[in-house]
Amino acid sequence: MEYLPHEQRMLEEREQLEIRLTGLNTFLSKGQPETMEDQDWDLMNAQAFAMRTYNYVLSARIRRFKAKYKQMSAVTNS
């Protein structure tokens, strides 16, 4: 399916975000390194939370435009 340029950018951005978020979650799951200050650890956890929120918003927007295309396709195929 051919998406509009801004829709394609959203898909690409979510893909890149999920790769980064997976890496960050993997790092965080190992626990706070002894050499890392508490404030930095807290900030990394806040960053992960913000990234999950952003991923949720991107995913919701993507679901909406995909549903729109699906609905348009059903109308044209009727």
N, C-alpha and C. Protein backbone atom coordinates (compact mmCIF):
# COMPACT_ATOMS: atom_id res chain seq x y z
N MET A 1 0.84 -1.17 0.00
CA MET A 1 0.00 0.00 0.00
C MET A 1 0.89 1.24 0.00
N GLU A 2 0.46 2.24 -0.71
CA GLU A 2 1.19 3.51 -0.82
C GLU A 2 0.63 4.50 0.21
N TYR A 3 1.48 4.88 1.15
CA TYR A 3 1.07 5.83 2.18
C TYR A 3 1.55 7.23 1.81
N LEU A 4 0.90 8.22 2.39
CA LEU A 4 1.34 9.60 2.23
C LEU A 4 2.70 9.77 2.89
N PRO A 5 3.49 10.75 2.45
CA PRO A 5 4.85 10.90 3.00
C PRO A 5 4.88 11.02 4.53
N HIS A 6 3.99 11.79 5.12
CA HIS A 6 4.03 11.93 6.58
C HIS A 6 3.62 10.63 7.28
N GLU A 7 2.78 9.84 6.64
CA GLU A 7 2.39 8.54 7.21
C GLU A 7 3.57 7.57 7.15
N GLN A 8 4.28 7.58 6.03
CA GLN A 8 5.46 6.73 5.89
C GLN A 8 6.52 7.11 6.92
N ARG A 9 6.67 8.42 7.17
CA ARG A 9 7.64 8.87 8.18
C ARG A 9 7.24 8.37 9.57
N MET A 10 5.94 8.37 9.85
CA MET A 10 5.48 7.86 11.16
C MET A 10 5.83 6.38 11.31
N LEU A 11 5.61 5.61 10.26
CA LEU A 11 5.94 4.18 10.31
C LEU A 11 7.43 3.98 10.56
N GLU A 12 8.25 4.73 9.85
CA GLU A 12 9.70 4.62 10.01
C GLU A 12 10.15 5.09 11.39
N GLU A 13 9.54 6.17 11.85
CA GLU A 13 9.90 6.70 13.16
C GLU A 13 9.55 5.72 14.27
N ARG A 14 8.38 5.08 14.16
CA ARG A 14 8.00 4.10 15.18
C ARG A 14 8.95 2.91 15.16
N GLU A 15 9.33 2.48 13.97
CA GLU A 15 10.27 1.35 13.87
C GLU A 15 11.60 1.68 14.56
N GLN A 16 12.13 2.88 14.29
CA GLN A 16 13.38 3.29 14.91
C GLN A 16 13.21 3.46 16.42
N LEU A 17 12.10 4.02 16.83
CA LEU A 17 11.83 4.21 18.26
C LEU A 17 11.78 2.87 18.98
N GLU A 18 11.12 1.88 18.38
CA GLU A 18 11.01 0.57 19.01
C GLU A 18 12.37 -0.10 19.15
N ILE A 19 13.25 0.10 18.18
CA ILE A 19 14.61 -0.46 18.28
C ILE A 19 15.35 0.19 19.45
N ARG A 20 15.26 1.51 19.54
CA ARG A 20 15.94 2.22 20.64
C ARG A 20 15.34 1.87 21.99
N LEU A 21 14.02 1.77 22.04
CA LEU A 21 13.35 1.46 23.30
C LEU A 21 13.69 0.04 23.75
N THR A 22 13.78 -0.88 22.84
CA THR A 22 14.18 -2.24 23.18
C THR A 22 15.57 -2.26 23.79
N GLY A 23 16.49 -1.52 23.18
CA GLY A 23 17.85 -1.44 23.72
C GLY A 23 17.88 -0.82 25.11
N LEU A 24 17.12 0.25 25.29
CA LEU A 24 17.08 0.91 26.60
C LEU A 24 16.46 0.00 27.65
N ASN A 25 15.37 -0.67 27.29
CA ASN A 25 14.73 -1.59 28.23
C ASN A 25 15.66 -2.73 28.61
N THR A 26 16.42 -3.24 27.65
CA THR A 26 17.38 -4.29 27.94
C THR A 26 18.42 -3.80 28.95
N PHE A 27 18.92 -2.60 28.72
CA PHE A 27 19.91 -2.02 29.65
C PHE A 27 19.29 -1.85 31.04
N LEU A 28 18.09 -1.29 31.10
CA LEU A 28 17.46 -1.03 32.40
C LEU A 28 17.12 -2.33 33.15
N SER A 29 16.81 -3.37 32.42
CA SER A 29 16.43 -4.63 33.05
C SER A 29 17.59 -5.28 33.81
N LYS A 30 18.79 -4.86 33.52
CA LYS A 30 19.97 -5.42 34.20
C LYS A 30 20.25 -4.75 35.54
N GLY A 31 19.48 -3.71 35.84
CA GLY A 31 19.68 -3.01 37.11
C GLY A 31 20.68 -1.88 36.97
N GLN A 32 20.66 -1.03 37.96
CA GLN A 32 21.51 0.16 37.95
C GLN A 32 22.97 -0.24 38.12
N PRO A 33 23.82 0.17 37.18
CA PRO A 33 25.25 -0.10 37.34
C PRO A 33 25.80 0.64 38.56
N GLU A 34 26.75 0.04 39.21
CA GLU A 34 27.34 0.66 40.41
C GLU A 34 27.97 2.01 40.10
N THR A 35 28.43 2.18 38.88
CA THR A 35 29.13 3.41 38.51
C THR A 35 28.18 4.54 38.11
N MET A 36 26.88 4.25 38.03
CA MET A 36 25.93 5.26 37.59
C MET A 36 25.28 5.93 38.80
N GLU A 37 25.21 7.24 38.76
CA GLU A 37 24.58 7.99 39.83
C GLU A 37 23.06 7.79 39.79
N ASP A 38 22.45 7.88 40.96
CA ASP A 38 21.00 7.67 41.07
C ASP A 38 20.21 8.60 40.16
N GLN A 39 20.61 9.86 40.10
CA GLN A 39 19.87 10.81 39.28
C GLN A 39 19.91 10.42 37.80
N ASP A 40 21.05 9.94 37.32
CA ASP A 40 21.14 9.50 35.93
C ASP A 40 20.27 8.27 35.68
N TRP A 41 20.25 7.36 36.64
CA TRP A 41 19.40 6.17 36.55
C TRP A 41 17.92 6.57 36.49
N ASP A 42 17.54 7.50 37.35
CA ASP A 42 16.15 7.98 37.34
C ASP A 42 15.80 8.65 36.02
N LEU A 43 16.73 9.41 35.48
CA LEU A 43 16.49 10.07 34.20
C LEU A 43 16.35 9.06 33.06
N MET A 44 17.14 8.01 33.10
CA MET A 44 17.02 6.97 32.07
C MET A 44 15.66 6.28 32.15
N ASN A 45 15.18 6.05 33.37
CA ASN A 45 13.86 5.45 33.52
C ASN A 45 12.77 6.40 33.05
N ALA A 46 12.93 7.69 33.31
CA ALA A 46 11.98 8.68 32.82
C ALA A 46 12.01 8.74 31.29
N GLN A 47 13.18 8.60 30.73
CA GLN A 47 13.32 8.58 29.26
C GLN A 47 12.58 7.38 28.68
N ALA A 48 12.73 6.22 29.30
CA ALA A 48 12.04 5.03 28.82
C ALA A 48 10.52 5.21 28.89
N PHE A 49 10.05 5.82 29.97
CA PHE A 49 8.62 6.07 30.11
C PHE A 49 8.12 7.00 29.00
N ALA A 50 8.88 8.06 28.74
CA ALA A 50 8.50 9.00 27.67
C ALA A 50 8.50 8.32 26.31
N MET A 51 9.47 7.46 26.09
CA MET A 51 9.55 6.75 24.81
C MET A 51 8.37 5.78 24.65
N ARG A 52 7.99 5.11 25.73
CA ARG A 52 6.82 4.21 25.66
C ARG A 52 5.55 5.01 25.37
N THR A 53 5.44 6.18 26.00
CA THR A 53 4.27 7.03 25.75
C THR A 53 4.24 7.48 24.30
N TYR A 54 5.37 7.91 23.80
CA TYR A 54 5.47 8.35 22.40
C TYR A 54 5.15 7.20 21.46
N ASN A 55 5.63 6.01 21.77
CA ASN A 55 5.34 4.84 20.95
C ASN A 55 3.83 4.56 20.93
N TYR A 56 3.19 4.71 22.07
CA TYR A 56 1.74 4.52 22.16
C TYR A 56 1.01 5.52 21.26
N VAL A 57 1.42 6.77 21.31
CA VAL A 57 0.77 7.81 20.50
C VAL A 57 1.00 7.54 19.01
N LEU A 58 2.22 7.25 18.63
CA LEU A 58 2.50 6.94 17.22
C LEU A 58 1.67 5.74 16.76
N SER A 59 1.61 4.71 17.58
CA SER A 59 0.85 3.51 17.22
C SER A 59 -0.64 3.82 17.04
N ALA A 60 -1.17 4.67 17.91
CA ALA A 60 -2.59 5.05 17.80
C ALA A 60 -2.83 5.82 16.51
N ARG A 61 -1.93 6.73 16.18
CA ARG A 61 -2.08 7.49 14.94
C ARG A 61 -1.98 6.58 13.72
N ILE A 62 -1.06 5.62 13.77
CA ILE A 62 -0.88 4.68 12.65
C ILE A 62 -2.12 3.81 12.50
N ARG A 63 -2.66 3.32 13.61
CA ARG A 63 -3.89 2.52 13.53
C ARG A 63 -5.01 3.30 12.88
N ARG A 64 -5.11 4.59 13.20
CA ARG A 64 -6.17 5.43 12.64
C ARG A 64 -6.03 5.58 11.13
N PHE A 65 -4.82 5.88 10.65
CA PHE A 65 -4.72 6.06 9.20
C PHE A 65 -4.80 4.73 8.46
N LYS A 66 -4.36 3.65 9.06
CA LYS A 66 -4.53 2.34 8.42
C LYS A 66 -6.01 1.96 8.34
N ALA A 67 -6.75 2.27 9.39
CA ALA A 67 -8.19 1.99 9.39
C ALA A 67 -8.89 2.82 8.31
N LYS A 68 -8.44 4.05 8.14
CA LYS A 68 -9.01 4.91 7.10
C LYS A 68 -8.79 4.29 5.72
N TYR A 69 -7.56 3.82 5.47
CA TYR A 69 -7.26 3.21 4.17
C TYR A 69 -8.07 1.93 3.98
N LYS A 70 -8.21 1.14 5.05
CA LYS A 70 -8.98 -0.09 4.97
C LYS A 70 -10.44 0.22 4.62
N GLN A 71 -10.97 1.25 5.26
CA GLN A 71 -12.35 1.64 5.00
C GLN A 71 -12.51 2.15 3.58
N MET A 72 -11.55 2.94 3.10
CA MET A 72 -11.60 3.44 1.71
C MET A 72 -11.51 2.30 0.72
N SER A 73 -10.69 1.32 1.04
CA SER A 73 -10.54 0.16 0.16
C SER A 73 -11.83 -0.65 0.09
N ALA A 74 -12.50 -0.80 1.22
CA ALA A 74 -13.75 -1.56 1.24
C ALA A 74 -14.82 -0.85 0.42
N VAL A 75 -14.84 0.48 0.44
CA VAL A 75 -15.83 1.24 -0.31
C VAL A 75 -15.56 1.12 -1.81
N THR A 76 -14.29 1.19 -2.21
CA THR A 76 -13.96 1.13 -3.64
C THR A 76 -14.12 -0.28 -4.18
N ASN A 77 -14.02 -1.28 -3.33
CA ASN A 77 -14.16 -2.67 -3.79
C ASN A 77 -15.61 -3.16 -3.75
N SER A 78 -16.54 -2.32 -3.31
CA SER A 78 -17.94 -2.73 -3.22
C SER A 78 -18.64 -2.57 -4.53
